[in-house]
PDB file of all heavy atoms in Angstrom:
ATOM      1  N   ARG A   1      -2.719 -10.025  19.756  1.00  0.00           N
ATOM      2  CA  ARG A   1      -1.730 -10.628  18.876  1.00  0.00           C
ATOM      3  C   ARG A   1      -1.352 -12.023  19.374  1.00  0.00           C
ATOM      4  O   ARG A   1      -1.106 -12.225  20.566  1.00  0.00           O
ATOM      5  CB  ARG A   1      -0.504  -9.727  18.854  1.00  0.00           C
ATOM      6  CG  ARG A   1       0.484  -9.942  17.737  1.00  0.00           C
ATOM      7  CD  ARG A   1       1.620  -8.942  17.879  1.00  0.00           C
ATOM      8  NE  ARG A   1       2.538  -8.972  16.766  1.00  0.00           N
ATOM      9  CZ  ARG A   1       3.748  -8.418  16.802  1.00  0.00           C
ATOM     10  NH1 ARG A   1       4.152  -7.814  17.916  1.00  0.00           N
ATOM     11  NH2 ARG A   1       4.534  -8.465  15.745  1.00  0.00           N
ATOM     12  N   VAL A   2      -1.310 -12.980  18.480  1.00  0.00           N
ATOM     13  CA  VAL A   2      -1.036 -14.371  18.847  1.00  0.00           C
ATOM     14  C   VAL A   2       0.409 -14.720  18.490  1.00  0.00           C
ATOM     15  O   VAL A   2       0.862 -14.459  17.371  1.00  0.00           O
ATOM     16  CB  VAL A   2      -2.007 -15.329  18.126  1.00  0.00           C
ATOM     17  CG1 VAL A   2      -1.669 -16.786  18.456  1.00  0.00           C
ATOM     18  CG2 VAL A   2      -3.446 -15.011  18.503  1.00  0.00           C
ATOM     19  N   ARG A   3       1.117 -15.323  19.436  1.00  0.00           N
ATOM     20  CA  ARG A   3       2.514 -15.712  19.220  1.00  0.00           C
ATOM     21  C   ARG A   3       2.711 -17.219  19.154  1.00  0.00           C
ATOM     22  O   ARG A   3       3.761 -17.686  18.725  1.00  0.00           O
ATOM     23  CB  ARG A   3       3.406 -15.149  20.324  1.00  0.00           C
ATOM     24  CG  ARG A   3       3.118 -15.686  21.719  1.00  0.00           C
ATOM     25  CD  ARG A   3       4.086 -15.104  22.739  1.00  0.00           C
ATOM     26  NE  ARG A   3       3.779 -15.500  24.102  1.00  0.00           N
ATOM     27  CZ  ARG A   3       4.189 -16.627  24.670  1.00  0.00           C
ATOM     28  NH1 ARG A   3       4.913 -17.489  23.982  1.00  0.00           N
ATOM     29  NH2 ARG A   3       3.871 -16.891  25.924  1.00  0.00           N
ATOM     30  N   GLU A   4       1.698 -17.992  19.589  1.00  0.00           N
ATOM     31  CA  GLU A   4       1.857 -19.444  19.631  1.00  0.00           C
ATOM     32  C   GLU A   4       0.517 -20.127  19.429  1.00  0.00           C
ATOM     33  O   GLU A   4      -0.493 -19.712  19.996  1.00  0.00           O
ATOM     34  CB  GLU A   4       2.445 -19.848  20.990  1.00  0.00           C
ATOM     35  CG  GLU A   4       2.650 -21.347  21.165  1.00  0.00           C
ATOM     36  CD  GLU A   4       3.148 -21.686  22.553  1.00  0.00           C
ATOM     37  OE1 GLU A   4       4.258 -21.223  22.911  1.00  0.00           O
ATOM     38  OE2 GLU A   4       2.427 -22.388  23.290  1.00  0.00           O
ATOM     39  N   ILE A   5       0.496 -21.175  18.610  1.00  0.00           N
ATOM     40  CA  ILE A   5      -0.704 -21.990  18.395  1.00  0.00           C
ATOM     41  C   ILE A   5      -0.293 -23.457  18.494  1.00  0.00           C
ATOM     42  O   ILE A   5       0.628 -23.911  17.804  1.00  0.00           O
ATOM     43  CB  ILE A   5      -1.347 -21.720  17.021  1.00  0.00           C
ATOM     44  CG1 ILE A   5      -1.795 -20.255  16.908  1.00  0.00           C
ATOM     45  CG2 ILE A   5      -2.544 -22.644  16.797  1.00  0.00           C
ATOM     46  CD1 ILE A   5      -2.331 -19.875  15.539  1.00  0.00           C
ATOM     47  N   ASP A   6      -0.978 -24.177  19.362  1.00  0.00           N
ATOM     48  CA  ASP A   6      -0.679 -25.602  19.577  1.00  0.00           C
ATOM     49  C   ASP A   6       0.802 -25.830  19.888  1.00  0.00           C
ATOM     50  O   ASP A   6       1.429 -26.801  19.435  1.00  0.00           O
ATOM     51  CB  ASP A   6      -1.085 -26.437  18.354  1.00  0.00           C
ATOM     52  CG  ASP A   6      -2.599 -26.486  18.165  1.00  0.00           C
ATOM     53  OD1 ASP A   6      -3.326 -26.306  19.165  1.00  0.00           O
ATOM     54  OD2 ASP A   6      -3.047 -26.692  17.028  1.00  0.00           O
ATOM     55  N   GLY A   7       1.374 -24.912  20.637  1.00  0.00           N
ATOM     56  CA  GLY A   7       2.763 -25.050  21.056  1.00  0.00           C
ATOM     57  C   GLY A   7       3.794 -24.642  20.020  1.00  0.00           C
ATOM     58  O   GLY A   7       5.000 -24.726  20.281  1.00  0.00           O
ATOM     59  N   LYS A   8       3.350 -24.144  18.852  1.00  0.00           N
ATOM     60  CA  LYS A   8       4.269 -23.749  17.790  1.00  0.00           C
ATOM     61  C   LYS A   8       4.252 -22.239  17.624  1.00  0.00           C
ATOM     62  O   LYS A   8       3.184 -21.619  17.623  1.00  0.00           O
ATOM     63  CB  LYS A   8       3.873 -24.417  16.471  1.00  0.00           C
ATOM     64  CG  LYS A   8       3.884 -25.937  16.525  1.00  0.00           C
ATOM     65  CD  LYS A   8       3.386 -26.527  15.222  1.00  0.00           C
ATOM     66  CE  LYS A   8       3.340 -28.052  15.296  1.00  0.00           C
ATOM     67  NZ  LYS A   8       2.800 -28.652  14.040  1.00  0.00           N
ATOM     68  N   PRO A   9       5.415 -21.600  17.451  1.00  0.00           N
ATOM     69  CA  PRO A   9       5.447 -20.148  17.252  1.00  0.00           C
ATOM     70  C   PRO A   9       4.791 -19.763  15.929  1.00  0.00           C
ATOM     71  O   PRO A   9       4.961 -20.458  14.919  1.00  0.00           O
ATOM     72  CB  PRO A   9       6.943 -19.817  17.250  1.00  0.00           C
ATOM     73  CG  PRO A   9       7.626 -21.099  16.906  1.00  0.00           C
ATOM     74  CD  PRO A   9       6.766 -22.195  17.459  1.00  0.00           C
ATOM     75  N   VAL A  10       4.029 -18.685  15.950  1.00  0.00           N
ATOM     76  CA  VAL A  10       3.358 -18.205  14.730  1.00  0.00           C
ATOM     77  C   VAL A  10       3.485 -16.683  14.664  1.00  0.00           C
ATOM     78  O   VAL A  10       3.727 -16.008  15.665  1.00  0.00           O
ATOM     79  CB  VAL A  10       1.864 -18.589  14.700  1.00  0.00           C
ATOM     80  CG1 VAL A  10       1.678 -20.094  14.661  1.00  0.00           C
ATOM     81  CG2 VAL A  10       1.119 -17.982  15.872  1.00  0.00           C
ATOM     82  N   GLY A  11       3.255 -16.159  13.458  1.00  0.00           N
ATOM     83  CA  GLY A  11       3.164 -14.719  13.266  1.00  0.00           C
ATOM     84  C   GLY A  11       4.356 -13.939  13.775  1.00  0.00           C
ATOM     85  O   GLY A  11       5.511 -14.361  13.635  1.00  0.00           O
ATOM     86  N   MET A  12       4.052 -12.739  14.315  1.00  0.00           N
ATOM     87  CA  MET A  12       5.055 -11.844  14.897  1.00  0.00           C
ATOM     88  C   MET A  12       6.058 -11.368  13.844  1.00  0.00           C
ATOM     89  O   MET A  12       7.219 -11.101  14.152  1.00  0.00           O
ATOM     90  CB  MET A  12       5.785 -12.518  16.064  1.00  0.00           C
ATOM     91  CG  MET A  12       4.884 -13.172  17.096  1.00  0.00           C
ATOM     92  SD  MET A  12       3.835 -12.010  18.011  1.00  0.00           S
ATOM     93  CE  MET A  12       5.016 -11.281  19.125  1.00  0.00           C
ATOM     94  N   ARG A  13       5.612 -11.234  12.575  1.00  0.00           N
ATOM     95  CA  ARG A  13       6.530 -10.855  11.503  1.00  0.00           C
ATOM     96  C   ARG A  13       6.108  -9.586  10.760  1.00  0.00           C
ATOM     97  O   ARG A  13       6.777  -9.181   9.812  1.00  0.00           O
ATOM     98  CB  ARG A  13       6.672 -12.009  10.493  1.00  0.00           C
ATOM     99  CG  ARG A  13       7.337 -13.252  11.056  1.00  0.00           C
ATOM    100  CD  ARG A  13       7.761 -14.208   9.948  1.00  0.00           C
ATOM    101  NE  ARG A  13       6.622 -14.705   9.184  1.00  0.00           N
ATOM    102  CZ  ARG A  13       5.941 -15.817   9.493  1.00  0.00           C
ATOM    103  NH1 ARG A  13       6.283 -16.522  10.559  1.00  0.00           N
ATOM    104  NH2 ARG A  13       4.924 -16.209   8.748  1.00  0.00           N
ATOM    105  N   ASP A  14       4.993  -8.970  11.178  1.00  0.00           N
ATOM    106  CA  ASP A  14       4.567  -7.737  10.507  1.00  0.00           C
ATOM    107  C   ASP A  14       3.938  -6.812  11.542  1.00  0.00           C
ATOM    108  O   ASP A  14       2.774  -6.447  11.457  1.00  0.00           O
ATOM    109  CB  ASP A  14       3.563  -8.052   9.390  1.00  0.00           C
ATOM    110  CG  ASP A  14       3.261  -6.832   8.518  1.00  0.00           C
ATOM    111  OD1 ASP A  14       3.804  -5.744   8.809  1.00  0.00           O
ATOM    112  OD2 ASP A  14       2.456  -6.955   7.581  1.00  0.00           O
ATOM    113  N   GLU A  15       4.761  -6.416  12.509  1.00  0.00           N
ATOM    114  CA  GLU A  15       4.260  -5.562  13.586  1.00  0.00           C
ATOM    115  C   GLU A  15       3.772  -4.215  13.070  1.00  0.00           C
ATOM    116  O   GLU A  15       2.829  -3.634  13.606  1.00  0.00           O
ATOM    117  CB  GLU A  15       5.333  -5.353  14.649  1.00  0.00           C
ATOM    118  CG  GLU A  15       4.838  -4.562  15.848  1.00  0.00           C
ATOM    119  CD  GLU A  15       5.847  -4.499  16.965  1.00  0.00           C
ATOM    120  OE1 GLU A  15       6.983  -4.981  16.777  1.00  0.00           O
ATOM    121  OE2 GLU A  15       5.502  -3.963  18.037  1.00  0.00           O
ATOM    122  N   ALA A  16       4.380  -3.709  12.002  1.00  0.00           N
ATOM    123  CA  ALA A  16       4.003  -2.390  11.483  1.00  0.00           C
ATOM    124  C   ALA A  16       2.544  -2.365  11.039  1.00  0.00           C
ATOM    125  O   ALA A  16       1.799  -1.443  11.372  1.00  0.00           O
ATOM    126  CB  ALA A  16       4.921  -2.005  10.324  1.00  0.00           C
ATOM    127  N   THR A  17       2.134  -3.384  10.282  1.00  0.00           N
ATOM    128  CA  THR A  17       0.741  -3.431   9.815  1.00  0.00           C
ATOM    129  C   THR A  17      -0.207  -3.700  10.971  1.00  0.00           C
ATOM    130  O   THR A  17      -1.264  -3.061  11.092  1.00  0.00           O
ATOM    131  CB  THR A  17       0.568  -4.501   8.726  1.00  0.00           C
ATOM    132  OG1 THR A  17       1.475  -4.257   7.661  1.00  0.00           O
ATOM    133  CG2 THR A  17      -0.851  -4.484   8.171  1.00  0.00           C
ATOM    134  N   PHE A  18       0.161  -4.645  11.834  1.00  0.00           N
ATOM    135  CA  PHE A  18      -0.687  -4.932  12.991  1.00  0.00           C
ATOM    136  C   PHE A  18      -0.843  -3.700  13.871  1.00  0.00           C
ATOM    137  O   PHE A  18      -1.941  -3.404  14.367  1.00  0.00           O
ATOM    138  CB  PHE A  18      -0.119  -6.089  13.809  1.00  0.00           C
ATOM    139  CG  PHE A  18      -0.876  -6.334  15.081  1.00  0.00           C
ATOM    140  CD1 PHE A  18      -2.133  -6.928  15.052  1.00  0.00           C
ATOM    141  CD2 PHE A  18      -0.353  -5.941  16.303  1.00  0.00           C
ATOM    142  CE1 PHE A  18      -2.850  -7.123  16.229  1.00  0.00           C
ATOM    143  CE2 PHE A  18      -1.061  -6.144  17.479  1.00  0.00           C
ATOM    144  CZ  PHE A  18      -2.306  -6.738  17.444  1.00  0.00           C
ATOM    145  N   ALA A  19       0.236  -2.943  14.065  1.00  0.00           N
ATOM    146  CA  ALA A  19       0.185  -1.753  14.914  1.00  0.00           C
ATOM    147  C   ALA A  19      -0.771  -0.702  14.352  1.00  0.00           C
ATOM    148  O   ALA A  19      -1.423   0.022  15.119  1.00  0.00           O
ATOM    149  CB  ALA A  19       1.582  -1.166  15.073  1.00  0.00           C
ATOM    150  N   LYS A  20      -0.876  -0.604  13.034  1.00  0.00           N
ATOM    151  CA  LYS A  20      -1.827   0.333  12.438  1.00  0.00           C
ATOM    152  C   LYS A  20      -3.251  -0.013  12.856  1.00  0.00           C
ATOM    153  O   LYS A  20      -4.066   0.880  13.146  1.00  0.00           O
ATOM    154  CB  LYS A  20      -1.715   0.305  10.916  1.00  0.00           C
ATOM    155  CG  LYS A  20      -0.455   0.928  10.350  1.00  0.00           C
ATOM    156  CD  LYS A  20      -0.463   0.863   8.827  1.00  0.00           C
ATOM    157  CE  LYS A  20       0.786   1.467   8.231  1.00  0.00           C
ATOM    158  NZ  LYS A  20       0.783   1.394   6.741  1.00  0.00           N
ATOM    159  N   ILE A  21      -3.564  -1.315  12.888  1.00  0.00           N
ATOM    160  CA  ILE A  21      -4.902  -1.757  13.283  1.00  0.00           C
ATOM    161  C   ILE A  21      -5.108  -1.569  14.783  1.00  0.00           C
ATOM    162  O   ILE A  21      -6.107  -0.990  15.225  1.00  0.00           O
ATOM    163  CB  ILE A  21      -5.114  -3.232  12.896  1.00  0.00           C
ATOM    164  CG1 ILE A  21      -5.015  -3.398  11.378  1.00  0.00           C
ATOM    165  CG2 ILE A  21      -6.467  -3.738  13.408  1.00  0.00           C
ATOM    166  CD1 ILE A  21      -4.999  -4.839  10.915  1.00  0.00           C
ATOM    167  N   ARG A  22      -4.144  -2.042  15.576  1.00  0.00           N
ATOM    168  CA  ARG A  22      -4.247  -1.928  17.039  1.00  0.00           C
ATOM    169  C   ARG A  22      -4.355  -0.471  17.482  1.00  0.00           C
ATOM    170  O   ARG A  22      -5.251  -0.110  18.260  1.00  0.00           O
ATOM    171  CB  ARG A  22      -3.015  -2.566  17.673  1.00  0.00           C
ATOM    172  CG  ARG A  22      -2.961  -2.473  19.197  1.00  0.00           C
ATOM    173  CD  ARG A  22      -1.563  -2.760  19.692  1.00  0.00           C
ATOM    174  NE  ARG A  22      -0.610  -1.769  19.184  1.00  0.00           N
ATOM    175  CZ  ARG A  22       0.690  -1.994  19.009  1.00  0.00           C
ATOM    176  NH1 ARG A  22       1.202  -3.175  19.276  1.00  0.00           N
ATOM    177  NH2 ARG A  22       1.471  -1.025  18.553  1.00  0.00           N
ATOM    178  N   ASP A  23      -3.467   0.379  16.996  1.00  0.00           N
ATOM    179  CA  ASP A  23      -3.449   1.770  17.421  1.00  0.00           C
ATOM    180  C   ASP A  23      -4.661   2.526  16.899  1.00  0.00           C
ATOM    181  O   ASP A  23      -5.190   3.426  17.575  1.00  0.00           O
ATOM    182  CB  ASP A  23      -2.158   2.451  16.965  1.00  0.00           C
ATOM    183  CG  ASP A  23      -0.924   1.822  17.606  1.00  0.00           C
ATOM    184  OD1 ASP A  23      -1.084   1.072  18.590  1.00  0.00           O
ATOM    185  OD2 ASP A  23       0.192   2.073  17.109  1.00  0.00           O
ATOM    186  N   GLY A  24      -5.117   2.157  15.692  1.00  0.00           N
ATOM    187  CA  GLY A  24      -6.329   2.773  15.163  1.00  0.00           C
ATOM    188  C   GLY A  24      -7.536   2.461  16.022  1.00  0.00           C
ATOM    189  O   GLY A  24      -8.408   3.316  16.245  1.00  0.00           O
ATOM    190  N   TYR A  25      -7.603   1.234  16.526  1.00  0.00           N
ATOM    191  CA  TYR A  25      -8.713   0.831  17.397  1.00  0.00           C
ATOM    192  C   TYR A  25      -8.650   1.593  18.723  1.00  0.00           C
ATOM    193  O   TYR A  25      -9.672   2.042  19.256  1.00  0.00           O
ATOM    194  CB  TYR A  25      -8.669  -0.672  17.661  1.00  0.00           C
ATOM    195  CG  TYR A  25     -10.031  -1.282  17.910  1.00  0.00           C
ATOM    196  CD1 TYR A  25     -10.404  -2.473  17.293  1.00  0.00           C
ATOM    197  CD2 TYR A  25     -10.947  -0.682  18.756  1.00  0.00           C
ATOM    198  CE1 TYR A  25     -11.643  -3.042  17.503  1.00  0.00           C
ATOM    199  CE2 TYR A  25     -12.192  -1.244  18.985  1.00  0.00           C
ATOM    200  CZ  TYR A  25     -12.531  -2.421  18.356  1.00  0.00           C
ATOM    201  OH  TYR A  25     -13.765  -2.975  18.572  1.00  0.00           O
ATOM    202  N   GLN A  26      -7.447   1.755  19.275  1.00  0.00           N
ATOM    203  CA  GLN A  26      -7.299   2.495  20.526  1.00  0.00           C
ATOM    204  C   GLN A  26      -7.729   3.952  20.368  1.00  0.00           C
ATOM    205  O   GLN A  26      -8.373   4.524  21.259  1.00  0.00           O
ATOM    206  CB  GLN A  26      -5.854   2.412  21.013  1.00  0.00           C
ATOM    207  CG  GLN A  26      -5.408   1.017  21.419  1.00  0.00           C
ATOM    208  CD  GLN A  26      -6.300   0.405  22.478  1.00  0.00           C
ATOM    209  OE1 GLN A  26      -6.463   0.951  23.568  1.00  0.00           O
ATOM    210  NE2 GLN A  26      -6.897  -0.731  22.161  1.00  0.00           N
ATOM    211  N   ARG A  27      -7.404   4.550  19.241  1.00  0.00           N
ATOM    212  CA  ARG A  27      -7.845   5.928  18.985  1.00  0.00           C
ATOM    213  C   ARG A  27      -9.361   6.002  18.901  1.00  0.00           C
ATOM    214  O   ARG A  27      -9.979   6.952  19.411  1.00  0.00           O
ATOM    215  CB  ARG A  27      -7.212   6.453  17.694  1.00  0.00           C
ATOM    216  CG  ARG A  27      -5.739   6.804  17.819  1.00  0.00           C
ATOM    217  CD  ARG A  27      -5.275   7.608  16.618  1.00  0.00           C
ATOM    218  NE  ARG A  27      -5.389   6.854  15.368  1.00  0.00           N
ATOM    219  CZ  ARG A  27      -4.433   6.077  14.889  1.00  0.00           C
ATOM    220  NH1 ARG A  27      -3.284   5.931  15.546  1.00  0.00           N
ATOM    221  NH2 ARG A  27      -4.605   5.441  13.742  1.00  0.00           N
TER     222      ARG A  27
END
């Protein structure tokens, strides 16, 4: 998960959807 690009904060606003992908990959 990326929180910063070129020194500017990005993303970090839909952890629920990202977690489905991350946790699915771990399984």
